[in-house]
Amino acid sequence: MNWQRMEGKYKDYKDEFRRKWSKLTDNELELARGKREVLVGKLQQRYGIARRTAERQLDDWVQSL
């Protein structure tokens, strides 16, 4: 799956996203609405990881769907 499809189906995968990255709040996930750049930033903040790491984790997760 690619990010364009993820944005369109974000509500369907939101619970799975929440399970994978449980530190993100419901409000943060709602504000992101599947937008990759917003999610990358939230992962960086909550998990204290580098941008490239957050991007890689998100991309790997989306590809696994």
PDB file of N, CA and C in Angstrom:
ATOM      1  N   MET A   1       0.849  -1.173   0.000  1.00  0.00           N
ATOM      2  CA  MET A   1       0.000   0.000   0.000  1.00  0.00           C
ATOM      3  C   MET A   1       0.894   1.234   0.000  1.00  0.00           C
ATOM      4  N   ASN A   2       0.429   2.287  -0.635  1.00  0.00           N
ATOM      5  CA  ASN A   2       1.189   3.525  -0.626  1.00  0.00           C
ATOM      6  C   ASN A   2       0.490   4.558   0.261  1.00  0.00           C
ATOM      7  N   TRP A   3       1.137   5.687   0.447  1.00  0.00           N
ATOM      8  CA  TRP A   3       0.601   6.689   1.374  1.00  0.00           C
ATOM      9  C   TRP A   3      -0.674   7.333   0.887  1.00  0.00           C
ATOM     10  N   GLN A   4      -0.869   7.467  -0.396  1.00  0.00           N
ATOM     11  CA  GLN A   4      -2.128   8.034  -0.884  1.00  0.00           C
ATOM     12  C   GLN A   4      -3.301   7.142  -0.504  1.00  0.00           C
ATOM     13  N   ARG A   5      -3.119   5.859  -0.655  1.00  0.00           N
ATOM     14  CA  ARG A   5      -4.174   4.918  -0.256  1.00  0.00           C
ATOM     15  C   ARG A   5      -4.348   4.915   1.257  1.00  0.00           C
ATOM     16  N   MET A   6      -3.238   5.037   1.993  1.00  0.00           N
ATOM     17  CA  MET A   6      -3.320   5.057   3.448  1.00  0.00           C
ATOM     18  C   MET A   6      -4.157   6.250   3.918  1.00  0.00           C
ATOM     19  N   GLU A   7      -3.920   7.402   3.338  1.00  0.00           N
ATOM     20  CA  GLU A   7      -4.710   8.573   3.728  1.00  0.00           C
ATOM     21  C   GLU A   7      -6.198   8.326   3.505  1.00  0.00           C
ATOM     22  N   GLY A   8      -6.537   7.694   2.406  1.00  0.00           N
ATOM     23  CA  GLY A   8      -7.934   7.419   2.110  1.00  0.00           C
ATOM     24  C   GLY A   8      -8.558   6.377   3.013  1.00  0.00           C
ATOM     25  N   LYS A   9      -7.749   5.463   3.504  1.00  0.00           N
ATOM     26  CA  LYS A   9      -8.250   4.375   4.349  1.00  0.00           C
ATOM     27  C   LYS A   9      -7.795   4.508   5.800  1.00  0.00           C
ATOM     28  N   TYR A  10      -7.365   5.687   6.177  1.00  0.00           N
ATOM     29  CA  TYR A  10      -6.786   5.904   7.498  1.00  0.00           C
ATOM     30  C   TYR A  10      -7.710   5.447   8.624  1.00  0.00           C
ATOM     31  N   LYS A  11      -8.980   5.739   8.512  1.00  0.00           N
ATOM     32  CA  LYS A  11      -9.925   5.342   9.568  1.00  0.00           C
ATOM     33  C   LYS A  11      -9.954   3.826   9.732  1.00  0.00           C
ATOM     34  N   ASP A  12      -9.803   3.104   8.640  1.00  0.00           N
ATOM     35  CA  ASP A  12      -9.826   1.639   8.696  1.00  0.00           C
ATOM     36  C   ASP A  12      -8.610   1.083   9.439  1.00  0.00           C
ATOM     37  N   TYR A  13      -7.478   1.794   9.345  1.00  0.00           N
ATOM     38  CA  TYR A  13      -6.237   1.296   9.933  1.00  0.00           C
ATOM     39  C   TYR A  13      -5.837   2.014  11.222  1.00  0.00           C
ATOM     40  N   LYS A  14      -6.643   2.932  11.654  1.00  0.00           N
ATOM     41  CA  LYS A  14      -6.304   3.743  12.822  1.00  0.00           C
ATOM     42  C   LYS A  14      -6.071   2.894  14.076  1.00  0.00           C
ATOM     43  N   ASP A  15      -6.887   1.880  14.303  1.00  0.00           N
ATOM     44  CA  ASP A  15      -6.710   1.015  15.474  1.00  0.00           C
ATOM     45  C   ASP A  15      -5.395   0.244  15.400  1.00  0.00           C
ATOM     46  N   GLU A  16      -5.037  -0.218  14.214  1.00  0.00           N
ATOM     47  CA  GLU A  16      -3.762  -0.917  14.046  1.00  0.00           C
ATOM     48  C   GLU A  16      -2.600   0.035  14.295  1.00  0.00           C
ATOM     49  N   PHE A  17      -2.737   1.250  13.811  1.00  0.00           N
ATOM     50  CA  PHE A  17      -1.715   2.266  14.034  1.00  0.00           C
ATOM     51  C   PHE A  17      -1.560   2.523  15.529  1.00  0.00           C
ATOM     52  N   ARG A  18      -2.685   2.630  16.222  1.00  0.00           N
ATOM     53  CA  ARG A  18      -2.681   2.876  17.665  1.00  0.00           C
ATOM     54  C   ARG A  18      -1.987   1.735  18.424  1.00  0.00           C
ATOM     55  N   ARG A  19      -2.215   0.505  17.985  1.00  0.00           N
ATOM     56  CA  ARG A  19      -1.560  -0.627  18.650  1.00  0.00           C
ATOM     57  C   ARG A  19      -0.051  -0.597  18.438  1.00  0.00           C
ATOM     58  N   LYS A  20       0.370  -0.241  17.251  1.00  0.00           N
ATOM     59  CA  LYS A  20       1.806  -0.227  16.937  1.00  0.00           C
ATOM     60  C   LYS A  20       2.526   0.909  17.660  1.00  0.00           C
ATOM     61  N   TRP A  21       1.916   2.091  17.690  1.00  0.00           N
ATOM     62  CA  TRP A  21       2.534   3.269  18.311  1.00  0.00           C
ATOM     63  C   TRP A  21       1.618   3.790  19.410  1.00  0.00           C
ATOM     64  N   SER A  22       1.588   3.076  20.510  1.00  0.00           N
ATOM     65  CA  SER A  22       0.635   3.353  21.594  1.00  0.00           C
ATOM     66  C   SER A  22       0.908   4.651  22.356  1.00  0.00           C
ATOM     67  N   LYS A  23       2.072   5.234  22.184  1.00  0.00           N
ATOM     68  CA  LYS A  23       2.365   6.490  22.882  1.00  0.00           C
ATOM     69  C   LYS A  23       1.644   7.687  22.271  1.00  0.00           C
ATOM     70  N   LEU A  24       1.204   7.552  21.038  1.00  0.00           N
ATOM     71  CA  LEU A  24       0.476   8.643  20.401  1.00  0.00           C
ATOM     72  C   LEU A  24      -0.942   8.707  20.963  1.00  0.00           C
ATOM     73  N   THR A  25      -1.404   9.908  21.224  1.00  0.00           N
ATOM     74  CA  THR A  25      -2.743  10.076  21.776  1.00  0.00           C
ATOM     75  C   THR A  25      -3.795   9.991  20.673  1.00  0.00           C
ATOM     76  N   ASP A  26      -5.021   9.759  21.074  1.00  0.00           N
ATOM     77  CA  ASP A  26      -6.120   9.734  20.110  1.00  0.00           C
ATOM     78  C   ASP A  26      -6.220  11.076  19.389  1.00  0.00           C
ATOM     79  N   ASN A  27      -6.019  12.151  20.125  1.00  0.00           N
ATOM     80  CA  ASN A  27      -6.084  13.483  19.544  1.00  0.00           C
ATOM     81  C   ASN A  27      -5.000  13.667  18.475  1.00  0.00           C
ATOM     82  N   GLU A  28      -3.789  13.217  18.760  1.00  0.00           N
ATOM     83  CA  GLU A  28      -2.702  13.326  17.787  1.00  0.00           C
ATOM     84  C   GLU A  28      -3.011  12.524  16.524  1.00  0.00           C
ATOM     85  N   LEU A  29      -3.539  11.331  16.708  1.00  0.00           N
ATOM     86  CA  LEU A  29      -3.884  10.499  15.552  1.00  0.00           C
ATOM     87  C   LEU A  29      -5.017  11.116  14.742  1.00  0.00           C
ATOM     88  N   GLU A  30      -5.961  11.721  15.435  1.00  0.00           N
ATOM     89  CA  GLU A  30      -7.073  12.363  14.748  1.00  0.00           C
ATOM     90  C   GLU A  30      -6.607  13.581  13.961  1.00  0.00           C
ATOM     91  N   LEU A  31      -5.711  14.353  14.551  1.00  0.00           N
ATOM     92  CA  LEU A  31      -5.186  15.540  13.871  1.00  0.00           C
ATOM     93  C   LEU A  31      -4.344  15.161  12.652  1.00  0.00           C
ATOM     94  N   ALA A  32      -3.635  14.058  12.733  1.00  0.00           N
ATOM     95  CA  ALA A  32      -2.774  13.626  11.627  1.00  0.00           C
ATOM     96  C   ALA A  32      -3.581  13.187  10.412  1.00  0.00           C
ATOM     97  N   ARG A  33      -4.692  12.512  10.640  1.00  0.00           N
ATOM     98  CA  ARG A  33      -5.567  12.026   9.563  1.00  0.00           C
ATOM     99  C   ARG A  33      -4.810  11.286   8.462  1.00  0.00           C
ATOM    100  N   GLY A  34      -3.783  10.560   8.858  1.00  0.00           N
ATOM    101  CA  GLY A  34      -3.049   9.740   7.887  1.00  0.00           C
ATOM    102  C   GLY A  34      -2.008  10.484   7.086  1.00  0.00           C
ATOM    103  N   LYS A  35      -1.784  11.715   7.375  1.00  0.00           N
ATOM    104  CA  LYS A  35      -0.783  12.512   6.652  1.00  0.00           C
ATOM    105  C   LYS A  35       0.611  12.102   7.124  1.00  0.00           C
ATOM    106  N   ARG A  36       1.413  11.632   6.206  1.00  0.00           N
ATOM    107  CA  ARG A  36       2.728  11.066   6.520  1.00  0.00           C
ATOM    108  C   ARG A  36       3.617  12.037   7.287  1.00  0.00           C
ATOM    109  N   GLU A  37       3.736  13.262   6.816  1.00  0.00           N
ATOM    110  CA  GLU A  37       4.647  14.230   7.451  1.00  0.00           C
ATOM    111  C   GLU A  37       4.232  14.542   8.887  1.00  0.00           C
ATOM    112  N   VAL A  38       2.941  14.634   9.121  1.00  0.00           N
ATOM    113  CA  VAL A  38       2.451  14.896  10.479  1.00  0.00           C
ATOM    114  C   VAL A  38       2.750  13.701  11.378  1.00  0.00           C
ATOM    115  N   LEU A  39       2.505  12.512  10.875  1.00  0.00           N
ATOM    116  CA  LEU A  39       2.769  11.300  11.662  1.00  0.00           C
ATOM    117  C   LEU A  39       4.254  11.150  11.965  1.00  0.00           C
ATOM    118  N   VAL A  40       5.100  11.449  11.004  1.00  0.00           N
ATOM    119  CA  VAL A  40       6.545  11.386  11.226  1.00  0.00           C
ATOM    120  C   VAL A  40       6.930  12.316  12.372  1.00  0.00           C
ATOM    121  N   GLY A  41       6.427  13.529  12.337  1.00  0.00           N
ATOM    122  CA  GLY A  41       6.730  14.496  13.397  1.00  0.00           C
ATOM    123  C   GLY A  41       6.243  14.040  14.757  1.00  0.00           C
ATOM    124  N   LYS A  42       5.048  13.482  14.808  1.00  0.00           N
ATOM    125  CA  LYS A  42       4.507  12.994  16.086  1.00  0.00           C
ATOM    126  C   LYS A  42       5.327  11.823  16.623  1.00  0.00           C
ATOM    127  N   LEU A  43       5.751  10.930  15.745  1.00  0.00           N
ATOM    128  CA  LEU A  43       6.592   9.803  16.178  1.00  0.00           C
ATOM    129  C   LEU A  43       7.929  10.310  16.718  1.00  0.00           C
ATOM    130  N   GLN A  44       8.489  11.283  16.048  1.00  0.00           N
ATOM    131  CA  GLN A  44       9.753  11.860  16.523  1.00  0.00           C
ATOM    132  C   GLN A  44       9.584  12.418  17.933  1.00  0.00           C
ATOM    133  N   GLN A  45       8.528  13.171  18.144  1.00  0.00           N
ATOM    134  CA  GLN A  45       8.299  13.795  19.448  1.00  0.00           C
ATOM    135  C   GLN A  45       8.054  12.766  20.535  1.00  0.00           C
ATOM    136  N   ARG A  46       7.127  11.874  20.305  1.00  0.00           N
ATOM    137  CA  ARG A  46       6.722  10.916  21.350  1.00  0.00           C
ATOM    138  C   ARG A  46       7.770   9.850  21.652  1.00  0.00           C
ATOM    139  N   TYR A  47       8.474   9.412  20.625  1.00  0.00           N
ATOM    140  CA  TYR A  47       9.415   8.307  20.809  1.00  0.00           C
ATOM    141  C   TYR A  47      10.870   8.754  20.848  1.00  0.00           C
ATOM    142  N   GLY A  48      11.121  10.028  20.611  1.00  0.00           N
ATOM    143  CA  GLY A  48      12.475  10.550  20.667  1.00  0.00           C
ATOM    144  C   GLY A  48      13.403   9.891  19.655  1.00  0.00           C
ATOM    145  N   ILE A  49      12.896   9.711  18.452  1.00  0.00           N
ATOM    146  CA  ILE A  49      13.690   9.058  17.409  1.00  0.00           C
ATOM    147  C   ILE A  49      14.000  10.055  16.291  1.00  0.00           C
ATOM    148  N   ALA A  50      14.995   9.724  15.502  1.00  0.00           N
ATOM    149  CA  ALA A  50      15.390  10.573  14.380  1.00  0.00           C
ATOM    150  C   ALA A  50      14.323  10.542  13.288  1.00  0.00           C
ATOM    151  N   ARG A  51      14.286  11.584  12.507  1.00  0.00           N
ATOM    152  CA  ARG A  51      13.313  11.690  11.427  1.00  0.00           C
ATOM    153  C   ARG A  51      13.404  10.504  10.460  1.00  0.00           C
ATOM    154  N   ARG A  52      14.608  10.161  10.062  1.00  0.00           N
ATOM    155  CA  ARG A  52      14.781   9.037   9.125  1.00  0.00           C
ATOM    156  C   ARG A  52      14.262   7.732   9.713  1.00  0.00           C
ATOM    157  N   THR A  53      14.474   7.540  11.007  1.00  0.00           N
ATOM    158  CA  THR A  53      13.980   6.331  11.666  1.00  0.00           C
ATOM    159  C   THR A  53      12.454   6.305  11.658  1.00  0.00           C
ATOM    160  N   ALA A  54      11.845   7.421  11.982  1.00  0.00           N
ATOM    161  CA  ALA A  54      10.383   7.511  11.985  1.00  0.00           C
ATOM    162  C   ALA A  54       9.827   7.267  10.578  1.00  0.00           C
ATOM    163  N   GLU A  55      10.453   7.863   9.574  1.00  0.00           N
ATOM    164  CA  GLU A  55      10.014   7.666   8.193  1.00  0.00           C
ATOM    165  C   GLU A  55      10.122   6.201   7.795  1.00  0.00           C
ATOM    166  N   ARG A  56      11.223   5.588   8.144  1.00  0.00           N
ATOM    167  CA  ARG A  56      11.441   4.174   7.792  1.00  0.00           C
ATOM    168  C   ARG A  56      10.409   3.281   8.480  1.00  0.00           C
ATOM    169  N   GLN A  57      10.155   3.534   9.772  1.00  0.00           N
ATOM    170  CA  GLN A  57       9.173   2.731  10.493  1.00  0.00           C
ATOM    171  C   GLN A  57       7.785   2.860   9.869  1.00  0.00           C
ATOM    172  N   LEU A  58       7.393   4.080   9.554  1.00  0.00           N
ATOM    173  CA  LEU A  58       6.080   4.290   8.932  1.00  0.00           C
ATOM    174  C   LEU A  58       5.989   3.616   7.572  1.00  0.00           C
ATOM    175  N   ASP A  59       6.995   3.808   6.754  1.00  0.00           N
ATOM    176  CA  ASP A  59       6.980   3.218   5.420  1.00  0.00           C
ATOM    177  C   ASP A  59       6.963   1.695   5.475  1.00  0.00           C
ATOM    178  N   ASP A  60       7.749   1.130   6.378  1.00  0.00           N
ATOM    179  CA  ASP A  60       7.758  -0.337   6.529  1.00  0.00           C
ATOM    180  C   ASP A  60       6.387  -0.835   6.973  1.00  0.00           C
ATOM    181  N   TRP A  61       5.766  -0.116   7.887  1.00  0.00           N
ATOM    182  CA  TRP A  61       4.453  -0.521   8.383  1.00  0.00           C
ATOM    183  C   TRP A  61       3.408  -0.471   7.276  1.00  0.00           C
ATOM    184  N   VAL A  62       3.409   0.613   6.511  1.00  0.00           N
ATOM    185  CA  VAL A  62       2.434   0.752   5.422  1.00  0.00           C
ATOM    186  C   VAL A  62       2.635  -0.344   4.382  1.00  0.00           C
ATOM    187  N   GLN A  63       3.894  -0.662   4.078  1.00  0.00           N
ATOM    188  CA  GLN A  63       4.162  -1.720   3.108  1.00  0.00           C
ATOM    189  C   GLN A  63       3.695  -3.090   3.598  1.00  0.00           C
ATOM    190  N   SER A  64       3.642  -3.276   4.914  1.00  0.00           N
ATOM    191  CA  SER A  64       3.230  -4.558   5.450  1.00  0.00           C
ATOM    192  C   SER A  64       1.709  -4.758   5.440  1.00  0.00           C
ATOM    193  N   LEU A  65       0.972  -3.702   5.175  1.00  0.00           N
ATOM    194  CA  LEU A  65      -0.490  -3.796   5.180  1.00  0.00           C
ATOM    195  C   LEU A  65      -1.027  -4.445   3.923  1.00  0.00           C
TER     196      LEU A  65
END
